[in-house]
Amino acid sequence: MANGSPLNLTVDGQVIRVTSPDKPFFPGVSKRDVIEYYVAVGELMIEHLRDRPTALERWPDGVVHGHESFYQKHMPKTVPPFVQGCDIRFPSGRPGRLLMPTSPAVIAWAAQMSTVTFHPWPSAAPTTDLPDQLRLDFDPAPGTGFTDAVRAACIAREVLDLWSWPSYPKTSGGRGVHVYVPIIARHSFIDVRHAAIAIGREIERRDPDLVTMSWWKEERGQRVFIDFNQNAQDRTMASAFSLRANAQATVSMPLTWPELIDCSPLDFTIATVPAIISRGSWGDPWSTMAEQAVDLAPALEAWERDVDGGLPELPYPPDFPKMPGEPLRVQPSRKRQG
């Protein structure tokens, strides 16, 4: 067979049948290589996926130019007995059922289903409507790059340190940086998004030439955008240890702050990460995150101060229903034309 004969792989006591193991998935990387990568990181990765509703970014024909991917948000109709789902509600109010990883075997099974990237919710079962993570996504606009995103993330750390909040950075796997804050799961997605906006505005005040909170691309210029809407319900980011769909097969790698400052995104790929995590001196810098959860109150108080000072609600993504207090979702240039 051109893509290799099926084979069986035992992961965490479960047998995964791997089809087309020799199919090219990245340049010089086969489907089997992808699955073996996820087996290598599975014990670490499951700690960042366990019990979380998770969307799958699937590439049935591999990450090759011209090939297509799709996001699978709903559980497949037929799954092995060890694969579980959890019930959620989308922003529209529709109910849904998403994959809920519970073991490394589930990660390997999803990789066999041509999953390249895992996108977990910032909440976990059974309280999927109450986030336990606040996420800051530093997205460099054209003309800026990874170094700029790192600078912006370091300002975020300064802001969070004022409240004695822990902060956990990782590479996005692209040009960006993600910073997570563990929070007590008692607030709505709306509250967590407002808290992220307040934090982002303070970062922008500290360096407006570097950072922007503008939702509209035409207003961002050559700055790093803090994507506050990643905290809206049903918005996700690549999980720690996830591969990213690019030619280098980079990894979204959890790091310490000193490691972030000194690294390149290309340091962490499907080829390098298994060796990194196998070093005796290496430990997951995010391993204590859940134990450090903080109360969201200081950030919500900052949000209220900004509102009292005249700063408005910001736009939601276009597929969301109209939200309370939200301005019109009209690009500024179109407003001027009107």
C-alpha atoms as a PDB file:
ATOM      1  CA  MET A   1       0.000   0.000   0.000  1.00  0.00           C
ATOM      2  CA  ALA A   2       1.324   3.445  -0.944  1.00  0.00           C
ATOM      3  CA  ASN A   3       0.724   4.877   2.534  1.00  0.00           C
ATOM      4  CA  GLY A   4       1.680   1.730   4.436  1.00  0.00           C
ATOM      5  CA  SER A   5      -0.265  -1.156   5.912  1.00  0.00           C
ATOM      6  CA  PRO A   6      -2.374  -0.564   9.043  1.00  0.00           C
ATOM      7  CA  LEU A   7      -0.686  -1.291  12.358  1.00  0.00           C
ATOM      8  CA  ASN A   8      -1.696  -1.489  16.004  1.00  0.00           C
ATOM      9  CA  LEU A   9      -0.238   0.790  18.662  1.00  0.00           C
ATOM     10  CA  THR A  10      -0.871   0.219  22.377  1.00  0.00           C
ATOM     11  CA  VAL A  11      -1.164   3.433  24.383  1.00  0.00           C
ATOM     12  CA  ASP A  12      -2.082   3.531  28.058  1.00  0.00           C
ATOM     13  CA  GLY A  13      -3.537   0.043  27.777  1.00  0.00           C
ATOM     14  CA  GLN A  14      -5.675   0.846  24.729  1.00  0.00           C
ATOM     15  CA  VAL A  15      -5.039  -0.475  21.230  1.00  0.00           C
ATOM     16  CA  ILE A  16      -5.061   2.234  18.555  1.00  0.00           C
ATOM     17  CA  ARG A  17      -5.342   1.009  14.961  1.00  0.00           C
ATOM     18  CA  VAL A  18      -3.219   3.296  12.809  1.00  0.00           C
ATOM     19  CA  THR A  19      -4.230   3.536   9.165  1.00  0.00           C
ATOM     20  CA  SER A  20      -1.992   4.902   6.379  1.00  0.00           C
ATOM     21  CA  PRO A  21       0.984   5.264   8.747  1.00  0.00           C
ATOM     22  CA  ASP A  22       3.364   6.307   5.951  1.00  0.00           C
ATOM     23  CA  LYS A  23       1.160   9.105   4.620  1.00  0.00           C
ATOM     24  CA  PRO A  24       3.174  12.371   4.438  1.00  0.00           C
ATOM     25  CA  PHE A  25       1.879  14.852   7.019  1.00  0.00           C
ATOM     26  CA  PHE A  26       4.623  17.475   7.088  1.00  0.00           C
ATOM     27  CA  PRO A  27       7.750  17.712   4.925  1.00  0.00           C
ATOM     28  CA  GLY A  28       9.726  14.614   5.880  1.00  0.00           C
ATOM     29  CA  VAL A  29       7.195  13.663   8.575  1.00  0.00           C
ATOM     30  CA  SER A  30       4.673  10.834   8.281  1.00  0.00           C
ATOM     31  CA  LYS A  31       1.342  10.270   9.977  1.00  0.00           C
ATOM     32  CA  ARG A  32       3.042   7.654  12.129  1.00  0.00           C
ATOM     33  CA  ASP A  33       5.620  10.245  13.202  1.00  0.00           C
ATOM     34  CA  VAL A  34       2.799  12.570  14.282  1.00  0.00           C
ATOM     35  CA  ILE A  35       1.126   9.835  16.314  1.00  0.00           C
ATOM     36  CA  GLU A  36       4.427   8.797  17.884  1.00  0.00           C
ATOM     37  CA  TYR A  37       5.064  12.432  18.819  1.00  0.00           C
ATOM     38  CA  TYR A  38       1.732  12.582  20.621  1.00  0.00           C
ATOM     39  CA  VAL A  39       2.506   9.305  22.376  1.00  0.00           C
ATOM     40  CA  ALA A  40       5.837  10.777  23.532  1.00  0.00           C
ATOM     41  CA  VAL A  41       4.224  13.922  24.993  1.00  0.00           C
ATOM     42  CA  GLY A  42       0.909  12.334  25.968  1.00  0.00           C
ATOM     43  CA  GLU A  43       1.515  11.987  29.713  1.00  0.00           C
ATOM     44  CA  LEU A  44       2.448  15.667  29.947  1.00  0.00           C
ATOM     45  CA  MET A  45      -0.122  16.928  27.483  1.00  0.00           C
ATOM     46  CA  ILE A  46      -3.110  15.219  29.086  1.00  0.00           C
ATOM     47  CA  GLU A  47      -2.616  17.368  32.191  1.00  0.00           C
ATOM     48  CA  HIS A  48      -3.490  20.390  30.033  1.00  0.00           C
ATOM     49  CA  LEU A  49      -6.411  18.704  28.240  1.00  0.00           C
ATOM     50  CA  ARG A  50      -8.001  16.485  30.861  1.00  0.00           C
ATOM     51  CA  ASP A  51     -11.781  16.938  31.170  1.00  0.00           C
ATOM     52  CA  ARG A  52     -11.757  20.000  28.886  1.00  0.00           C
ATOM     53  CA  PRO A  53     -14.102  20.265  25.903  1.00  0.00           C
ATOM     54  CA  THR A  54     -11.686  20.107  22.991  1.00  0.00           C
ATOM     55  CA  ALA A  55     -12.040  20.941  19.314  1.00  0.00           C
ATOM     56  CA  LEU A  56      -9.825  19.073  16.863  1.00  0.00           C
ATOM     57  CA  GLU A  57      -7.980  20.702  13.967  1.00  0.00           C
ATOM     58  CA  ARG A  58      -7.851  17.853  11.471  1.00  0.00           C
ATOM     59  CA  TRP A  59      -5.803  17.583   8.271  1.00  0.00           C
ATOM     60  CA  PRO A  60      -6.981  14.383   6.539  1.00  0.00           C
ATOM     61  CA  ASP A  61      -4.449  14.706   3.714  1.00  0.00           C
ATOM     62  CA  GLY A  62      -1.621  16.178   5.752  1.00  0.00           C
ATOM     63  CA  VAL A  63      -0.285  19.699   6.199  1.00  0.00           C
ATOM     64  CA  VAL A  64       0.711  20.187   2.596  1.00  0.00           C
ATOM     65  CA  HIS A  65       0.161  23.236   0.396  1.00  0.00           C
ATOM     66  CA  GLY A  66      -3.236  23.007  -1.248  1.00  0.00           C
ATOM     67  CA  HIS A  67      -4.631  20.512   1.236  1.00  0.00           C
ATOM     68  CA  GLU A  68      -7.529  21.472   3.449  1.00  0.00           C
ATOM     69  CA  SER A  69      -8.252  21.200   7.145  1.00  0.00           C
ATOM     70  CA  PHE A  70     -11.380  21.455   9.234  1.00  0.00           C
ATOM     71  CA  TYR A  71     -12.259  22.053  12.863  1.00  0.00           C
ATOM     72  CA  GLN A  72     -14.271  19.285  14.431  1.00  0.00           C
ATOM     73  CA  LYS A  73     -16.240  20.647  17.362  1.00  0.00           C
ATOM     74  CA  HIS A  74     -18.807  17.884  17.657  1.00  0.00           C
ATOM     75  CA  MET A  75     -17.992  14.357  18.800  1.00  0.00           C
ATOM     76  CA  PRO A  76     -17.851  11.799  15.990  1.00  0.00           C
ATOM     77  CA  LYS A  77     -20.878   9.536  15.970  1.00  0.00           C
ATOM     78  CA  THR A  78     -18.782   6.414  16.459  1.00  0.00           C
ATOM     79  CA  VAL A  79     -15.908   6.339  18.947  1.00  0.00           C
ATOM     80  CA  PRO A  80     -14.108   3.631  20.955  1.00  0.00           C
ATOM     81  CA  PRO A  81     -15.405   2.970  24.489  1.00  0.00           C
ATOM     82  CA  PHE A  82     -12.462   4.804  26.085  1.00  0.00           C
ATOM     83  CA  VAL A  83     -13.247   8.063  24.239  1.00  0.00           C
ATOM     84  CA  GLN A  84     -15.632  10.353  26.112  1.00  0.00           C
ATOM     85  CA  GLY A  85     -17.413  13.607  25.391  1.00  0.00           C
ATOM     86  CA  CYS A  86     -18.919  16.384  27.473  1.00  0.00           C
ATOM     87  CA  ASP A  87     -21.967  18.545  26.973  1.00  0.00           C
ATOM     88  CA  ILE A  88     -21.504  22.262  26.349  1.00  0.00           C
ATOM     89  CA  ARG A  89     -23.536  25.207  25.159  1.00  0.00           C
ATOM     90  CA  PHE A  90     -22.452  27.395  22.252  1.00  0.00           C
ATOM     91  CA  PRO A  91     -22.836  31.218  22.331  1.00  0.00           C
ATOM     92  CA  SER A  92     -25.975  30.879  20.191  1.00  0.00           C
ATOM     93  CA  GLY A  93     -27.557  28.835  22.963  1.00  0.00           C
ATOM     94  CA  ARG A  94     -27.375  25.598  20.986  1.00  0.00           C
ATOM     95  CA  PRO A  95     -26.243  22.560  22.963  1.00  0.00           C
ATOM     96  CA  GLY A  96     -23.295  20.535  21.749  1.00  0.00           C
ATOM     97  CA  ARG A  97     -21.089  17.646  22.716  1.00  0.00           C
ATOM     98  CA  LEU A  98     -17.315  17.921  22.335  1.00  0.00           C
ATOM     99  CA  LEU A  99     -14.476  15.488  22.779  1.00  0.00           C
ATOM    100  CA  MET A 100     -13.222  15.417  26.386  1.00  0.00           C
ATOM    101  CA  PRO A 101      -9.708  13.954  26.604  1.00  0.00           C
ATOM    102  CA  THR A 102      -9.209  11.824  29.704  1.00  0.00           C
ATOM    103  CA  SER A 103      -6.038   9.852  28.935  1.00  0.00           C
ATOM    104  CA  PRO A 104      -3.010   9.777  26.604  1.00  0.00           C
ATOM    105  CA  ALA A 105      -4.810   7.088  24.600  1.00  0.00           C
ATOM    106  CA  VAL A 106      -7.478   9.617  23.616  1.00  0.00           C
ATOM    107  CA  ILE A 107      -4.777  11.970  22.333  1.00  0.00           C
ATOM    108  CA  ALA A 108      -3.249   9.172  20.248  1.00  0.00           C
ATOM    109  CA  TRP A 109      -6.684   8.166  18.933  1.00  0.00           C
ATOM    110  CA  ALA A 110      -7.359  11.758  17.854  1.00  0.00           C
ATOM    111  CA  ALA A 111      -3.955  11.881  16.134  1.00  0.00           C
ATOM    112  CA  GLN A 112      -4.901   8.722  14.233  1.00  0.00           C
ATOM    113  CA  MET A 113      -7.970  10.700  13.117  1.00  0.00           C
ATOM    114  CA  SER A 114      -5.515  13.155  11.473  1.00  0.00           C
ATOM    115  CA  THR A 115      -5.662  15.696  14.294  1.00  0.00           C
ATOM    116  CA  VAL A 116      -2.680  18.032  14.161  1.00  0.00           C
ATOM    117  CA  THR A 117      -3.697  20.615  16.783  1.00  0.00           C
ATOM    118  CA  PHE A 118      -5.838  20.299  19.917  1.00  0.00           C
ATOM    119  CA  HIS A 119      -7.937  23.314  20.924  1.00  0.00           C
ATOM    120  CA  PRO A 120      -9.227  22.970  24.517  1.00  0.00           C
ATOM    121  CA  TRP A 121     -11.736  25.245  26.195  1.00  0.00           C
ATOM    122  CA  PRO A 122     -10.562  27.340  29.182  1.00  0.00           C
ATOM    123  CA  SER A 123     -13.058  25.433  31.338  1.00  0.00           C
ATOM    124  CA  ALA A 124     -13.448  21.829  32.414  1.00  0.00           C
ATOM    125  CA  ALA A 125     -16.277  19.411  33.073  1.00  0.00           C
ATOM    126  CA  PRO A 126     -18.616  19.482  34.866  1.00  0.00           C
ATOM    127  CA  THR A 127     -18.625  23.322  35.033  1.00  0.00           C
ATOM    128  CA  THR A 128     -17.898  24.077  31.383  1.00  0.00           C
ATOM    129  CA  ASP A 129     -19.694  27.436  31.633  1.00  0.00           C
ATOM    130  CA  LEU A 130     -17.205  28.695  34.272  1.00  0.00           C
ATOM    131  CA  PRO A 131     -13.654  29.215  32.944  1.00  0.00           C
ATOM    132  CA  ASP A 132     -10.712  28.291  35.143  1.00  0.00           C
ATOM    133  CA  GLN A 133      -8.162  30.014  32.896  1.00  0.00           C
ATOM    134  CA  LEU A 134      -7.750  33.563  31.626  1.00  0.00           C
ATOM    135  CA  ARG A 135      -5.792  33.565  28.380  1.00  0.00           C
ATOM    136  CA  LEU A 136      -3.815  36.390  26.777  1.00  0.00           C
ATOM    137  CA  ASP A 137      -2.991  35.934  23.093  1.00  0.00           C
ATOM    138  CA  PHE A 138      -0.225  38.193  21.763  1.00  0.00           C
ATOM    139  CA  ASP A 139      -0.605  38.254  17.980  1.00  0.00           C
ATOM    140  CA  PRO A 140       2.042  40.228  16.041  1.00  0.00           C
ATOM    141  CA  ALA A 141       0.693  42.259  13.127  1.00  0.00           C
ATOM    142  CA  PRO A 142       2.601  42.344   9.822  1.00  0.00           C
ATOM    143  CA  GLY A 143       5.823  44.238  10.356  1.00  0.00           C
ATOM    144  CA  THR A 144       6.266  42.836  13.851  1.00  0.00           C
ATOM    145  CA  GLY A 145       7.370  39.417  15.024  1.00  0.00           C
ATOM    146  CA  PHE A 146       8.011  36.986  17.830  1.00  0.00           C
ATOM    147  CA  THR A 147      10.447  39.265  19.672  1.00  0.00           C
ATOM    148  CA  ASP A 148       7.774  41.969  19.821  1.00  0.00           C
ATOM    149  CA  ALA A 149       5.223  39.474  21.140  1.00  0.00           C
ATOM    150  CA  VAL A 150       7.681  38.458  23.865  1.00  0.00           C
ATOM    151  CA  ARG A 151       8.176  42.114  24.843  1.00  0.00           C
ATOM    152  CA  ALA A 152       4.416  42.582  25.088  1.00  0.00           C
ATOM    153  CA  ALA A 153       4.043  39.407  27.133  1.00  0.00           C
ATOM    154  CA  CYS A 154       6.704  40.630  29.554  1.00  0.00           C
ATOM    155  CA  ILE A 155       4.691  43.805  30.118  1.00  0.00           C
ATOM    156  CA  ALA A 156       1.696  41.589  30.842  1.00  0.00           C
ATOM    157  CA  ARG A 157       3.753  39.805  33.457  1.00  0.00           C
ATOM    158  CA  GLU A 158       4.545  43.157  35.104  1.00  0.00           C
ATOM    159  CA  VAL A 159       0.836  44.014  35.240  1.00  0.00           C
ATOM    160  CA  LEU A 160      -0.116  40.618  36.639  1.00  0.00           C
ATOM    161  CA  ASP A 161       2.689  40.789  39.207  1.00  0.00           C
ATOM    162  CA  LEU A 162       1.039  43.888  40.692  1.00  0.00           C
ATOM    163  CA  TRP A 163      -1.786  41.612  41.857  1.00  0.00           C
ATOM    164  CA  SER A 164       0.620  38.802  42.780  1.00  0.00           C
ATOM    165  CA  TRP A 165      -0.966  36.722  40.041  1.00  0.00           C
ATOM    166  CA  PRO A 166       0.927  33.766  38.581  1.00  0.00           C
ATOM    167  CA  SER A 167       1.437  33.772  34.822  1.00  0.00           C
ATOM    168  CA  TYR A 168       2.419  30.934  32.532  1.00  0.00           C
ATOM    169  CA  PRO A 169       3.831  31.648  29.047  1.00  0.00           C
ATOM    170  CA  LYS A 170       4.158  29.431  26.014  1.00  0.00           C
ATOM    171  CA  THR A 171       5.021  29.873  22.391  1.00  0.00           C
ATOM    172  CA  SER A 172       1.996  29.823  20.128  1.00  0.00           C
ATOM    173  CA  GLY A 173       3.933  27.682  17.680  1.00  0.00           C
ATOM    174  CA  GLY A 174       3.881  30.587  15.254  1.00  0.00           C
ATOM    175  CA  ARG A 175       5.014  34.177  15.714  1.00  0.00           C
ATOM    176  CA  GLY A 176       2.910  34.794  18.806  1.00  0.00           C
ATOM    177  CA  VAL A 177       2.961  34.184  22.539  1.00  0.00           C
ATOM    178  CA  HIS A 178       0.247  32.887  24.861  1.00  0.00           C
ATOM    179  CA  VAL A 179       0.084  33.744  28.571  1.00  0.00           C
ATOM    180  CA  TYR A 180      -2.272  31.838  30.870  1.00  0.00           C
ATOM    181  CA  VAL A 181      -3.528  32.803  34.323  1.00  0.00           C
ATOM    182  CA  PRO A 182      -5.254  30.118  36.420  1.00  0.00           C
ATOM    183  CA  ILE A 183      -8.444  31.496  37.973  1.00  0.00           C
ATOM    184  CA  ILE A 184     -11.026  30.203  40.417  1.00  0.00           C
ATOM    185  CA  ALA A 185     -13.926  28.814  38.367  1.00  0.00           C
ATOM    186  CA  ARG A 186     -16.692  31.072  39.599  1.00  0.00           C
ATOM    187  CA  HIS A 187     -17.094  33.707  36.872  1.00  0.00           C
ATOM    188  CA  SER A 188     -18.827  33.683  33.494  1.00  0.00           C
ATOM    189  CA  PHE A 189     -17.106  33.874  30.122  1.00  0.00           C
ATOM    190  CA  ILE A 190     -18.332  37.474  29.890  1.00  0.00           C
ATOM    191  CA  ASP A 191     -16.583  38.378  33.149  1.00  0.00           C
ATOM    192  CA  VAL A 192     -13.348  36.652  32.155  1.00  0.00           C
ATOM    193  CA  ARG A 193     -13.358  38.426  28.790  1.00  0.00           C
ATOM    194  CA  HIS A 194     -13.876  41.765  30.558  1.00  0.00           C
ATOM    195  CA  ALA A 195     -10.976  40.984  32.879  1.00  0.00           C
ATOM    196  CA  ALA A 196      -8.764  40.212  29.875  1.00  0.00           C
ATOM    197  CA  ILE A 197      -9.786  43.505  28.253  1.00  0.00           C
ATOM    198  CA  ALA A 198      -8.857  45.405  31.415  1.00  0.00           C
ATOM    199  CA  ILE A 199      -5.452  43.721  31.545  1.00  0.00           C
ATOM    200  CA  GLY A 200      -4.892  44.352  27.847  1.00  0.00           C
ATOM    201  CA  ARG A 201      -5.781  48.025  28.187  1.00  0.00           C
ATOM    202  CA  GLU A 202      -3.254  48.445  30.983  1.00  0.00           C
ATOM    203  CA  ILE A 203      -0.576  46.777  28.848  1.00  0.00           C
ATOM    204  CA  GLU A 204      -1.478  49.110  25.976  1.00  0.00           C
ATOM    205  CA  ARG A 205      -1.258  52.158  28.258  1.00  0.00           C
ATOM    206  CA  ARG A 206       2.254  51.147  29.237  1.00  0.00           C
ATOM    207  CA  ASP A 207       3.500  50.836  25.651  1.00  0.00           C
ATOM    208  CA  PRO A 208       0.986  52.062  23.045  1.00  0.00           C
ATOM    209  CA  ASP A 209       3.626  51.981  20.313  1.00  0.00           C
ATOM    210  CA  LEU A 210       4.101  48.249  20.840  1.00  0.00           C
ATOM    211  CA  VAL A 211       0.638  46.991  21.815  1.00  0.00           C
ATOM    212  CA  THR A 212      -2.894  47.514  20.525  1.00  0.00           C
ATOM    213  CA  MET A 213      -6.318  46.418  21.695  1.00  0.00           C
ATOM    214  CA  SER A 214      -8.028  47.407  18.443  1.00  0.00           C
ATOM    215  CA  TRP A 215     -10.300  44.664  17.136  1.00  0.00           C
ATOM    216  CA  TRP A 216     -10.132  46.137  13.632  1.00  0.00           C
ATOM    217  CA  LYS A 217      -7.021  45.223  11.648  1.00  0.00           C
ATOM    218  CA  GLU A 218      -7.010  48.545   9.828  1.00  0.00           C
ATOM    219  CA  GLU A 219      -6.306  50.312  13.145  1.00  0.00           C
ATOM    220  CA  ARG A 220      -3.547  48.049  14.457  1.00  0.00           C
ATOM    221  CA  GLY A 221      -0.584  49.251  12.443  1.00  0.00           C
ATOM    222  CA  GLN A 222       2.703  47.501  13.133  1.00  0.00           C
ATOM    223  CA  ARG A 223       1.864  46.511  16.681  1.00  0.00           C
ATOM    224  CA  VAL A 224       1.115  43.399  18.708  1.00  0.00           C
ATOM    225  CA  PHE A 225      -2.614  42.770  19.034  1.00  0.00           C
ATOM    226  CA  ILE A 226      -3.884  41.336  22.316  1.00  0.00           C
ATOM    227  CA  ASP A 227      -6.776  39.166  21.190  1.00  0.00           C
ATOM    228  CA  PHE A 228      -9.150  39.602  24.110  1.00  0.00           C
ATOM    229  CA  ASN A 229     -11.867  37.650  22.296  1.00  0.00           C
ATOM    230  CA  GLN A 230      -9.940  34.449  22.884  1.00  0.00           C
ATOM    231  CA  ASN A 231     -11.704  34.577  26.258  1.00  0.00           C
ATOM    232  CA  ALA A 232     -15.168  34.571  24.712  1.00  0.00           C
ATOM    233  CA  GLN A 233     -17.224  31.413  24.970  1.00  0.00           C
ATOM    234  CA  ASP A 234     -16.255  28.711  22.424  1.00  0.00           C
ATOM    235  CA  ARG A 235     -13.013  30.511  21.541  1.00  0.00           C
ATOM    236  CA  THR A 236      -9.913  28.379  21.970  1.00  0.00           C
ATOM    237  CA  MET A 237      -6.150  28.388  21.576  1.00  0.00           C
ATOM    238  CA  ALA A 238      -3.757  25.567  20.773  1.00  0.00           C
ATOM    239  CA  SER A 239      -2.981  23.491  23.834  1.00  0.00           C
ATOM    240  CA  ALA A 240       0.421  23.153  25.413  1.00  0.00           C
ATOM    241  CA  PHE A 241       2.481  20.603  23.438  1.00  0.00           C
ATOM    242  CA  SER A 242       0.195  20.805  20.382  1.00  0.00           C
ATOM    243  CA  LEU A 243       1.746  20.701  16.955  1.00  0.00           C
ATOM    244  CA  ARG A 244       0.980  23.595  14.633  1.00  0.00           C
ATOM    245  CA  ALA A 245       0.104  23.322  10.976  1.00  0.00           C
ATOM    246  CA  ASN A 246       3.215  24.753   9.344  1.00  0.00           C
ATOM    247  CA  ALA A 247       6.089  23.342   7.328  1.00  0.00           C
ATOM    248  CA  GLN A 248       8.376  23.161  10.367  1.00  0.00           C
ATOM    249  CA  ALA A 249       5.839  21.225  12.502  1.00  0.00           C
ATOM    250  CA  THR A 250       6.443  23.583  15.411  1.00  0.00           C
ATOM    251  CA  VAL A 251       5.057  22.995  18.891  1.00  0.00           C
ATOM    252  CA  SER A 252       3.166  25.327  21.224  1.00  0.00           C
ATOM    253  CA  MET A 253       5.661  24.907  24.045  1.00  0.00           C
ATOM    254  CA  PRO A 254       5.113  25.762  27.731  1.00  0.00           C
ATOM    255  CA  LEU A 255       8.095  27.637  29.139  1.00  0.00           C
ATOM    256  CA  THR A 256       9.444  29.538  32.101  1.00  0.00           C
ATOM    257  CA  TRP A 257       9.751  33.286  31.652  1.00  0.00           C
ATOM    258  CA  PRO A 258      13.563  33.179  31.268  1.00  0.00           C
ATOM    259  CA  GLU A 259      13.182  30.437  28.648  1.00  0.00           C
ATOM    260  CA  LEU A 260      10.640  32.513  26.716  1.00  0.00           C
ATOM    261  CA  ILE A 261      12.930  35.524  26.600  1.00  0.00           C
ATOM    262  CA  ASP A 262      15.842  33.504  25.207  1.00  0.00           C
ATOM    263  CA  CYS A 263      14.069  31.207  22.732  1.00  0.00           C
ATOM    264  CA  SER A 264      12.980  31.054  19.110  1.00  0.00           C
ATOM    265  CA  PRO A 265       9.706  29.356  18.088  1.00  0.00           C
ATOM    266  CA  LEU A 266      11.798  27.107  15.841  1.00  0.00           C
ATOM    267  CA  ASP A 267      13.525  25.674  18.909  1.00  0.00           C
ATOM    268  CA  PHE A 268      10.411  23.577  19.521  1.00  0.00           C
ATOM    269  CA  THR A 269       9.353  21.174  16.788  1.00  0.00           C
ATOM    270  CA  ILE A 270       8.131  17.622  16.353  1.00  0.00           C
ATOM    271  CA  ALA A 271      11.806  16.651  16.026  1.00  0.00           C
ATOM    272  CA  THR A 272      13.178  18.472  19.092  1.00  0.00           C
ATOM    273  CA  VAL A 273      10.504  18.426  21.804  1.00  0.00           C
ATOM    274  CA  PRO A 274      10.600  14.675  22.622  1.00  0.00           C
ATOM    275  CA  ALA A 275      14.332  14.990  23.314  1.00  0.00           C
ATOM    276  CA  ILE A 276      13.828  18.141  25.393  1.00  0.00           C
ATOM    277  CA  ILE A 277      11.229  16.587  27.682  1.00  0.00           C
ATOM    278  CA  SER A 278      13.254  13.392  28.101  1.00  0.00           C
ATOM    279  CA  ARG A 279      16.140  15.231  29.750  1.00  0.00           C
ATOM    280  CA  GLY A 280      16.429  14.341  33.391  1.00  0.00           C
ATOM    281  CA  SER A 281      16.704  18.007  34.359  1.00  0.00           C
ATOM    282  CA  TRP A 282      13.535  19.054  32.505  1.00  0.00           C
ATOM    283  CA  GLY A 283      10.206  19.532  34.246  1.00  0.00           C
ATOM    284  CA  ASP A 284       6.897  20.875  32.955  1.00  0.00           C
ATOM    285  CA  PRO A 285       6.898  24.569  33.960  1.00  0.00           C
ATOM    286  CA  TRP A 286       3.095  24.510  33.929  1.00  0.00           C
ATOM    287  CA  SER A 287       2.727  21.529  36.257  1.00  0.00           C
ATOM    288  CA  THR A 288       1.570  23.612  39.242  1.00  0.00           C
ATOM    289  CA  MET A 289      -0.754  25.917  37.328  1.00  0.00           C
ATOM    290  CA  ALA A 290      -4.054  24.537  38.624  1.00  0.00           C
ATOM    291  CA  GLU A 291      -2.847  24.845  42.221  1.00  0.00           C
ATOM    292  CA  GLN A 292      -2.213  28.593  41.816  1.00  0.00           C
ATOM    293  CA  ALA A 293      -5.751  29.723  40.884  1.00  0.00           C
ATOM    294  CA  VAL A 294      -6.529  33.342  41.780  1.00  0.00           C
ATOM    295  CA  ASP A 295      -9.666  35.389  42.286  1.00  0.00           C
ATOM    296  CA  LEU A 296     -10.615  37.495  39.274  1.00  0.00           C
ATOM    297  CA  ALA A 297     -11.789  40.430  41.428  1.00  0.00           C
ATOM    298  CA  PRO A 298      -8.826  42.827  40.884  1.00  0.00           C
ATOM    299  CA  ALA A 299      -9.144  42.625  37.093  1.00  0.00           C
ATOM    300  CA  LEU A 300     -12.922  43.047  37.217  1.00  0.00           C
ATOM    301  CA  GLU A 301     -12.452  46.117  39.406  1.00  0.00           C
ATOM    302  CA  ALA A 302     -10.042  47.467  36.774  1.00  0.00           C
ATOM    303  CA  TRP A 303     -12.697  46.807  34.110  1.00  0.00           C
ATOM    304  CA  GLU A 304     -15.274  48.787  36.115  1.00  0.00           C
ATOM    305  CA  ARG A 305     -12.851  51.686  36.571  1.00  0.00           C
ATOM    306  CA  ASP A 306     -12.280  51.804  32.825  1.00  0.00           C
ATOM    307  CA  VAL A 307     -16.029  51.760  32.182  1.00  0.00           C
ATOM    308  CA  ASP A 308     -16.549  54.555  34.725  1.00  0.00           C
ATOM    309  CA  GLY A 309     -13.800  56.462  32.922  1.00  0.00           C
ATOM    310  CA  GLY A 310     -15.689  56.238  29.637  1.00  0.00           C
ATOM    311  CA  LEU A 311     -14.055  53.255  27.959  1.00  0.00           C
ATOM    312  CA  PRO A 312     -16.624  51.147  26.107  1.00  0.00           C
ATOM    313  CA  GLU A 313     -17.329  47.480  25.595  1.00  0.00           C
ATOM    314  CA  LEU A 314     -15.364  46.056  22.652  1.00  0.00           C
ATOM    315  CA  PRO A 315     -16.697  44.103  19.655  1.00  0.00           C
ATOM    316  CA  TYR A 316     -17.294  40.376  19.801  1.00  0.00           C
ATOM    317  CA  PRO A 317     -16.384  38.033  16.918  1.00  0.00           C
ATOM    318  CA  PRO A 318     -18.743  38.223  13.927  1.00  0.00           C
ATOM    319  CA  ASP A 319     -20.369  34.843  14.534  1.00  0.00           C
ATOM    320  CA  PHE A 320     -21.574  35.806  18.023  1.00  0.00           C
ATOM    321  CA  PRO A 321     -25.085  37.042  18.743  1.00  0.00           C
ATOM    322  CA  LYS A 322     -25.346  40.718  19.624  1.00  0.00           C
ATOM    323  CA  MET A 323     -24.031  41.069  23.177  1.00  0.00           C
ATOM    324  CA  PRO A 324     -25.134  43.526  25.910  1.00  0.00           C
ATOM    325  CA  GLY A 325     -23.442  46.914  25.621  1.00  0.00           C
ATOM    326  CA  GLU A 326     -21.556  45.934  22.486  1.00  0.00           C
ATOM    327  CA  PRO A 327     -20.878  48.653  19.872  1.00  0.00           C
ATOM    328  CA  LEU A 328     -21.857  48.156  16.254  1.00  0.00           C
ATOM    329  CA  ARG A 329     -19.602  45.664  14.481  1.00  0.00           C
ATOM    330  CA  VAL A 330     -18.681  48.085  11.713  1.00  0.00           C
ATOM    331  CA  GLN A 331     -15.143  48.787  10.575  1.00  0.00           C
ATOM    332  CA  PRO A 332     -14.103  52.373  11.378  1.00  0.00           C
ATOM    333  CA  SER A 333     -13.419  53.138   7.699  1.00  0.00           C
ATOM    334  CA  ARG A 334     -16.929  52.027   6.762  1.00  0.00           C
ATOM    335  CA  LYS A 335     -18.383  54.205   9.509  1.00  0.00           C
ATOM    336  CA  ARG A 336     -16.574  57.208   8.034  1.00  0.00           C
ATOM    337  CA  GLN A 337     -17.851  56.380   4.557  1.00  0.00           C
ATOM    338  CA  GLY A 338     -21.402  56.245   5.928  1.00  0.00           C
END
